[in-house]
Amino acid sequence: MSEKKRIALVLIDAFADWEYGLLAASAVAWFGCSLTVLTPGGRDVTSMAGVRVAADGALEKADAARFDAVVLIGSDGWTAGAAPEADRLARAVHDHGGTVGGICGGTVALARSGLLEGRAHTSNDRSWLGEVAGDYAGADLYRDTPAAVSDGRVVTAPGTAPATFAIAVLGSLLPGGAEQVAQMRAMMAAEHQAAD
């Protein structure tokens, strides 16, 4: 893991506070990655809880070659008719060998982009994703699971799975860091073990 990996974190208004925290903090503090926050128009965005985040750049102008991964964090804004356009960046990052992740509403953007075609994936619910993303390519490979699904450098998760999402994104992005990712997985799972 000698080369510093660069992650683009895409946030839009009303993004889900709990979906990015573990991924962002562990990527930077434990795995030595750099993080760039991209938003529509490069404007500040506000989370569901009212936390205001300043952008590092505009989603529409982002240079995919600068990133090893792009992660779309959930928001009801992804389901709107005027949802931000993340297709270009997500496809370009994936096309040059990068990891693409979508959690909760972020999976809608991945479905619309065509990146779920031929890949196992998940989201909040099969019928919900089909309803908001339309008749998307790859719908037959939907997996009804409470945890993240990773297939071909595309990671998807329901909004209730930020821990497995973070672990799967980092595992895809950092194949040389498998031992460290396994340690993170064990640490995050510890609270769910049966008490003695």
C-alpha atoms as a PDB file:
ATOM      1  CA  MET A   1       0.000   0.000   0.000  1.00  0.00           C
ATOM      2  CA  SER A   2       2.860   2.375  -0.794  1.00  0.00           C
ATOM      3  CA  GLU A   3       0.957   4.523  -3.299  1.00  0.00           C
ATOM      4  CA  LYS A   4      -1.541   6.923  -1.730  1.00  0.00           C
ATOM      5  CA  LYS A   5      -4.993   6.133  -3.131  1.00  0.00           C
ATOM      6  CA  ARG A   6      -7.293   9.030  -4.016  1.00  0.00           C
ATOM      7  CA  ILE A   7     -11.008   8.830  -3.261  1.00  0.00           C
ATOM      8  CA  ALA A   8     -13.702  11.162  -4.590  1.00  0.00           C
ATOM      9  CA  LEU A   9     -16.580  11.356  -2.110  1.00  0.00           C
ATOM     10  CA  VAL A  10     -19.726  12.608  -3.865  1.00  0.00           C
ATOM     11  CA  LEU A  11     -22.148  14.381  -1.532  1.00  0.00           C
ATOM     12  CA  ILE A  12     -25.414  16.037  -2.529  1.00  0.00           C
ATOM     13  CA  ASP A  13     -27.916  17.959  -0.427  1.00  0.00           C
ATOM     14  CA  ALA A  14     -29.632  15.929   2.304  1.00  0.00           C
ATOM     15  CA  PHE A  15     -26.887  13.278   2.214  1.00  0.00           C
ATOM     16  CA  ALA A  16     -27.081  10.613   4.920  1.00  0.00           C
ATOM     17  CA  ASP A  17     -24.674  11.458   7.745  1.00  0.00           C
ATOM     18  CA  TRP A  18     -24.109   7.844   8.827  1.00  0.00           C
ATOM     19  CA  GLU A  19     -23.222   6.501   5.385  1.00  0.00           C
ATOM     20  CA  TYR A  20     -19.856   8.165   4.794  1.00  0.00           C
ATOM     21  CA  GLY A  21     -18.233   8.662   8.219  1.00  0.00           C
ATOM     22  CA  LEU A  22     -16.624   5.275   8.769  1.00  0.00           C
ATOM     23  CA  LEU A  23     -15.391   5.044   5.183  1.00  0.00           C
ATOM     24  CA  ALA A  24     -13.965   8.564   5.078  1.00  0.00           C
ATOM     25  CA  ALA A  25     -12.264   8.452   8.471  1.00  0.00           C
ATOM     26  CA  SER A  26     -10.794   4.970   8.112  1.00  0.00           C
ATOM     27  CA  ALA A  27      -9.642   5.574   4.523  1.00  0.00           C
ATOM     28  CA  VAL A  28      -7.664   8.639   5.582  1.00  0.00           C
ATOM     29  CA  ALA A  29      -6.550   7.783   9.134  1.00  0.00           C
ATOM     30  CA  TRP A  30      -5.953   4.023   8.865  1.00  0.00           C
ATOM     31  CA  PHE A  31      -5.222   3.436   5.187  1.00  0.00           C
ATOM     32  CA  GLY A  32      -3.457   6.682   4.211  1.00  0.00           C
ATOM     33  CA  CYS A  33      -5.816   7.617   1.384  1.00  0.00           C
ATOM     34  CA  SER A  34      -6.624  11.166   0.328  1.00  0.00           C
ATOM     35  CA  LEU A  35     -10.224  12.316   0.167  1.00  0.00           C
ATOM     36  CA  THR A  36     -11.788  14.918  -2.129  1.00  0.00           C
ATOM     37  CA  VAL A  37     -15.380  16.041  -1.573  1.00  0.00           C
ATOM     38  CA  LEU A  38     -17.253  16.667  -4.828  1.00  0.00           C
ATOM     39  CA  THR A  39     -20.687  18.293  -4.931  1.00  0.00           C
ATOM     40  CA  PRO A  40     -23.008  19.538  -7.670  1.00  0.00           C
ATOM     41  CA  GLY A  41     -21.561  22.812  -8.919  1.00  0.00           C
ATOM     42  CA  GLY A  42     -18.897  22.726  -6.201  1.00  0.00           C
ATOM     43  CA  ARG A  43     -21.417  24.259  -3.800  1.00  0.00           C
ATOM     44  CA  ASP A  44     -21.607  23.610  -0.070  1.00  0.00           C
ATOM     45  CA  VAL A  45     -24.121  20.889   0.790  1.00  0.00           C
ATOM     46  CA  THR A  46     -26.072  20.157   3.943  1.00  0.00           C
ATOM     47  CA  SER A  47     -26.641  16.702   5.419  1.00  0.00           C
ATOM     48  CA  MET A  48     -29.902  15.278   6.745  1.00  0.00           C
ATOM     49  CA  ALA A  49     -28.791  16.357  10.232  1.00  0.00           C
ATOM     50  CA  GLY A  50     -28.004  19.886   9.091  1.00  0.00           C
ATOM     51  CA  VAL A  51     -24.219  19.528   8.943  1.00  0.00           C
ATOM     52  CA  ARG A  52     -22.817  21.838   6.268  1.00  0.00           C
ATOM     53  CA  VAL A  53     -19.920  20.516   4.186  1.00  0.00           C
ATOM     54  CA  ALA A  54     -17.679  22.607   1.938  1.00  0.00           C
ATOM     55  CA  ALA A  55     -16.776  21.102  -1.415  1.00  0.00           C
ATOM     56  CA  ASP A  56     -13.268  20.597  -2.747  1.00  0.00           C
ATOM     57  CA  GLY A  57     -14.578  20.648  -6.300  1.00  0.00           C
ATOM     58  CA  ALA A  58     -17.510  20.367  -8.680  1.00  0.00           C
ATOM     59  CA  LEU A  59     -18.860  16.922  -9.546  1.00  0.00           C
ATOM     60  CA  GLU A  60     -19.446  17.992 -13.156  1.00  0.00           C
ATOM     61  CA  LYS A  61     -15.862  19.190 -13.682  1.00  0.00           C
ATOM     62  CA  ALA A  62     -14.003  16.421 -11.850  1.00  0.00           C
ATOM     63  CA  ASP A  63     -11.119  14.794 -13.702  1.00  0.00           C
ATOM     64  CA  ALA A  64     -11.602  11.037 -13.334  1.00  0.00           C
ATOM     65  CA  ALA A  65      -7.884  10.432 -13.904  1.00  0.00           C
ATOM     66  CA  ARG A  66      -7.211  12.057 -10.513  1.00  0.00           C
ATOM     67  CA  PHE A  67      -9.139   9.369  -8.622  1.00  0.00           C
ATOM     68  CA  ASP A  68      -8.697   5.695  -7.801  1.00  0.00           C
ATOM     69  CA  ALA A  69     -12.241   5.486  -6.438  1.00  0.00           C
ATOM     70  CA  VAL A  70     -15.496   7.414  -6.514  1.00  0.00           C
ATOM     71  CA  VAL A  71     -18.144   6.886  -3.837  1.00  0.00           C
ATOM     72  CA  LEU A  72     -21.741   8.127  -4.100  1.00  0.00           C
ATOM     73  CA  ILE A  73     -23.311   8.686  -0.684  1.00  0.00           C
ATOM     74  CA  GLY A  74     -27.065   8.296  -0.307  1.00  0.00           C
ATOM     75  CA  SER A  75     -29.622  11.084  -0.411  1.00  0.00           C
ATOM     76  CA  ASP A  76     -33.228  11.311  -1.558  1.00  0.00           C
ATOM     77  CA  GLY A  77     -31.839  13.744  -4.130  1.00  0.00           C
ATOM     78  CA  TRP A  78     -30.582  10.815  -6.234  1.00  0.00           C
ATOM     79  CA  THR A  79     -34.196   9.718  -6.774  1.00  0.00           C
ATOM     80  CA  ALA A  80     -35.418  13.118  -7.984  1.00  0.00           C
ATOM     81  CA  GLY A  81     -36.084  13.907 -11.619  1.00  0.00           C
ATOM     82  CA  ALA A  82     -33.345  16.539 -11.527  1.00  0.00           C
ATOM     83  CA  ALA A  83     -30.795  14.278  -9.823  1.00  0.00           C
ATOM     84  CA  PRO A  84     -27.142  15.265 -10.236  1.00  0.00           C
ATOM     85  CA  GLU A  85     -25.385  13.588 -13.136  1.00  0.00           C
ATOM     86  CA  ALA A  86     -22.632  11.325 -11.811  1.00  0.00           C
ATOM     87  CA  ASP A  87     -22.527   8.863 -14.725  1.00  0.00           C
ATOM     88  CA  ARG A  88     -19.527  10.357 -16.516  1.00  0.00           C
ATOM     89  CA  LEU A  89     -17.274  10.358 -13.463  1.00  0.00           C
ATOM     90  CA  ALA A  90     -18.357   6.938 -12.189  1.00  0.00           C
ATOM     91  CA  ARG A  91     -17.920   5.261 -15.571  1.00  0.00           C
ATOM     92  CA  ALA A  92     -14.588   6.958 -16.273  1.00  0.00           C
ATOM     93  CA  VAL A  93     -13.120   6.001 -12.889  1.00  0.00           C
ATOM     94  CA  HIS A  94     -14.273   2.408 -13.381  1.00  0.00           C
ATOM     95  CA  ASP A  95     -13.000   2.330 -16.977  1.00  0.00           C
ATOM     96  CA  HIS A  96      -9.480   3.219 -15.861  1.00  0.00           C
ATOM     97  CA  GLY A  97      -9.451   0.452 -13.237  1.00  0.00           C
ATOM     98  CA  GLY A  98     -10.848   2.301 -10.236  1.00  0.00           C
ATOM     99  CA  THR A  99     -13.421   1.310  -7.655  1.00  0.00           C
ATOM    100  CA  VAL A 100     -16.946   2.744  -7.757  1.00  0.00           C
ATOM    101  CA  GLY A 101     -19.244   2.621  -4.751  1.00  0.00           C
ATOM    102  CA  GLY A 102     -22.852   3.552  -4.141  1.00  0.00           C
ATOM    103  CA  ILE A 103     -24.776   3.279  -0.892  1.00  0.00           C
ATOM    104  CA  CYS A 104     -28.519   3.783  -0.425  1.00  0.00           C
ATOM    105  CA  GLY A 105     -29.670   6.424  -2.936  1.00  0.00           C
ATOM    106  CA  GLY A 106     -26.201   6.386  -4.519  1.00  0.00           C
ATOM    107  CA  THR A 107     -27.075   2.985  -5.994  1.00  0.00           C
ATOM    108  CA  VAL A 108     -29.762   4.699  -8.076  1.00  0.00           C
ATOM    109  CA  ALA A 109     -27.099   6.720  -9.886  1.00  0.00           C
ATOM    110  CA  LEU A 110     -25.078   3.538 -10.500  1.00  0.00           C
ATOM    111  CA  ALA A 111     -28.143   1.740 -11.893  1.00  0.00           C
ATOM    112  CA  ARG A 112     -28.885   4.651 -14.226  1.00  0.00           C
ATOM    113  CA  SER A 113     -25.245   4.766 -15.361  1.00  0.00           C
ATOM    114  CA  GLY A 114     -25.279   1.145 -16.545  1.00  0.00           C
ATOM    115  CA  LEU A 115     -22.531   0.113 -14.121  1.00  0.00           C
ATOM    116  CA  LEU A 116     -24.748  -2.546 -12.514  1.00  0.00           C
ATOM    117  CA  GLU A 117     -25.204  -4.405 -15.800  1.00  0.00           C
ATOM    118  CA  GLY A 118     -23.720  -7.888 -15.456  1.00  0.00           C
ATOM    119  CA  ARG A 119     -22.844  -7.348 -11.781  1.00  0.00           C
ATOM    120  CA  ALA A 120     -24.276  -8.647  -8.534  1.00  0.00           C
ATOM    121  CA  HIS A 121     -25.481  -5.683  -6.502  1.00  0.00           C
ATOM    122  CA  THR A 122     -27.812  -4.580  -3.741  1.00  0.00           C
ATOM    123  CA  SER A 123     -29.581  -1.479  -2.479  1.00  0.00           C
ATOM    124  CA  ASN A 124     -32.294  -0.550  -0.006  1.00  0.00           C
ATOM    125  CA  ASP A 125     -34.821  -2.892  -1.623  1.00  0.00           C
ATOM    126  CA  ARG A 126     -35.253  -4.590  -5.012  1.00  0.00           C
ATOM    127  CA  SER A 127     -38.644  -3.011  -5.743  1.00  0.00           C
ATOM    128  CA  TRP A 128     -37.507   0.423  -4.524  1.00  0.00           C
ATOM    129  CA  LEU A 129     -34.446   0.419  -6.797  1.00  0.00           C
ATOM    130  CA  GLY A 130     -36.504  -0.724  -9.788  1.00  0.00           C
ATOM    131  CA  GLU A 131     -39.119   1.920  -9.104  1.00  0.00           C
ATOM    132  CA  VAL A 132     -36.739   4.869  -8.807  1.00  0.00           C
ATOM    133  CA  ALA A 133     -34.072   3.774 -11.310  1.00  0.00           C
ATOM    134  CA  GLY A 134     -36.503   2.463 -13.886  1.00  0.00           C
ATOM    135  CA  ASP A 135     -35.897  -0.629 -15.973  1.00  0.00           C
ATOM    136  CA  TYR A 136     -32.137  -0.697 -15.430  1.00  0.00           C
ATOM    137  CA  ALA A 137     -29.688  -3.149 -16.973  1.00  0.00           C
ATOM    138  CA  GLY A 138     -28.610  -5.783 -14.460  1.00  0.00           C
ATOM    139  CA  ALA A 139     -31.789  -5.824 -12.356  1.00  0.00           C
ATOM    140  CA  ASP A 140     -31.797  -9.639 -12.558  1.00  0.00           C
ATOM    141  CA  LEU A 141     -28.541  -9.728 -10.548  1.00  0.00           C
ATOM    142  CA  TYR A 142     -29.979  -7.881  -7.543  1.00  0.00           C
ATOM    143  CA  ARG A 143     -29.078  -9.556  -4.236  1.00  0.00           C
ATOM    144  CA  ASP A 144     -31.448  -9.195  -1.306  1.00  0.00           C
ATOM    145  CA  THR A 145     -28.891  -8.886   1.493  1.00  0.00           C
ATOM    146  CA  PRO A 146     -28.399  -6.543   4.447  1.00  0.00           C
ATOM    147  CA  ALA A 147     -24.663  -6.205   3.716  1.00  0.00           C
ATOM    148  CA  ALA A 148     -22.613  -4.621   0.943  1.00  0.00           C
ATOM    149  CA  VAL A 149     -22.046  -6.486  -2.323  1.00  0.00           C
ATOM    150  CA  SER A 150     -18.845  -6.128  -4.348  1.00  0.00           C
ATOM    151  CA  ASP A 151     -18.536  -7.314  -7.944  1.00  0.00           C
ATOM    152  CA  GLY A 152     -15.983  -6.209 -10.523  1.00  0.00           C
ATOM    153  CA  ARG A 153     -14.801  -3.112  -8.600  1.00  0.00           C
ATOM    154  CA  VAL A 154     -18.413  -1.934  -8.134  1.00  0.00           C
ATOM    155  CA  VAL A 155     -19.584  -1.864  -4.506  1.00  0.00           C
ATOM    156  CA  THR A 156     -23.220  -1.362  -3.520  1.00  0.00           C
ATOM    157  CA  ALA A 157     -24.997  -1.341  -0.175  1.00  0.00           C
ATOM    158  CA  PRO A 158     -28.281  -0.513   1.501  1.00  0.00           C
ATOM    159  CA  GLY A 159     -28.228   2.601   3.644  1.00  0.00           C
ATOM    160  CA  THR A 160     -28.278   0.417   6.742  1.00  0.00           C
ATOM    161  CA  ALA A 161     -24.870  -1.108   5.946  1.00  0.00           C
ATOM    162  CA  PRO A 162     -22.226   1.629   6.249  1.00  0.00           C
ATOM    163  CA  ALA A 163     -19.715  -0.688   7.956  1.00  0.00           C
ATOM    164  CA  THR A 164     -19.749  -3.462   5.349  1.00  0.00           C
ATOM    165  CA  PHE A 165     -19.836  -0.777   2.646  1.00  0.00           C
ATOM    166  CA  ALA A 166     -16.678   0.881   3.996  1.00  0.00           C
ATOM    167  CA  ILE A 167     -14.939  -2.484   4.318  1.00  0.00           C
ATOM    168  CA  ALA A 168     -15.925  -3.575   0.786  1.00  0.00           C
ATOM    169  CA  VAL A 169     -14.862  -0.267  -0.805  1.00  0.00           C
ATOM    170  CA  LEU A 170     -11.495  -0.361   0.962  1.00  0.00           C
ATOM    171  CA  GLY A 171     -11.038  -4.049   0.115  1.00  0.00           C
ATOM    172  CA  SER A 172     -11.633  -3.332  -3.574  1.00  0.00           C
ATOM    173  CA  LEU A 173      -9.485  -0.204  -3.598  1.00  0.00           C
ATOM    174  CA  LEU A 174      -6.599  -1.672  -1.591  1.00  0.00           C
ATOM    175  CA  PRO A 175      -6.089  -5.336  -2.541  1.00  0.00           C
ATOM    176  CA  GLY A 176      -2.593  -5.176  -1.013  1.00  0.00           C
ATOM    177  CA  GLY A 177      -4.125  -4.184   2.304  1.00  0.00           C
ATOM    178  CA  ALA A 178      -6.197  -7.351   2.762  1.00  0.00           C
ATOM    179  CA  GLU A 179      -4.819  -8.033   6.244  1.00  0.00           C
ATOM    180  CA  GLN A 180      -5.567  -4.509   7.438  1.00  0.00           C
ATOM    181  CA  VAL A 181      -9.065  -4.649   5.903  1.00  0.00           C
ATOM    182  CA  ALA A 182      -9.655  -8.002   7.671  1.00  0.00           C
ATOM    183  CA  GLN A 183      -8.622  -6.409  10.981  1.00  0.00           C
ATOM    184  CA  MET A 184     -11.069  -3.570  10.365  1.00  0.00           C
ATOM    185  CA  ARG A 185     -13.827  -6.089   9.585  1.00  0.00           C
ATOM    186  CA  ALA A 186     -13.152  -7.962  12.838  1.00  0.00           C
ATOM    187  CA  MET A 187     -13.129  -4.737  14.828  1.00  0.00           C
ATOM    188  CA  MET A 188     -16.447  -3.553  13.341  1.00  0.00           C
ATOM    189  CA  ALA A 189     -18.078  -6.972  13.852  1.00  0.00           C
ATOM    190  CA  ALA A 190     -17.064  -7.224  17.516  1.00  0.00           C
ATOM    191  CA  GLU A 191     -20.029  -5.229  18.806  1.00  0.00           C
ATOM    192  CA  HIS A 192     -22.422  -7.672  17.124  1.00  0.00           C
ATOM    193  CA  GLN A 193     -20.969 -10.775  18.795  1.00  0.00           C
ATOM    194  CA  ALA A 194     -23.072 -12.484  21.434  1.00  0.00           C
ATOM    195  CA  ALA A 195     -22.264 -11.322  24.953  1.00  0.00           C
ATOM    196  CA  ASP A 196     -20.919 -13.969  27.313  1.00  0.00           C
END
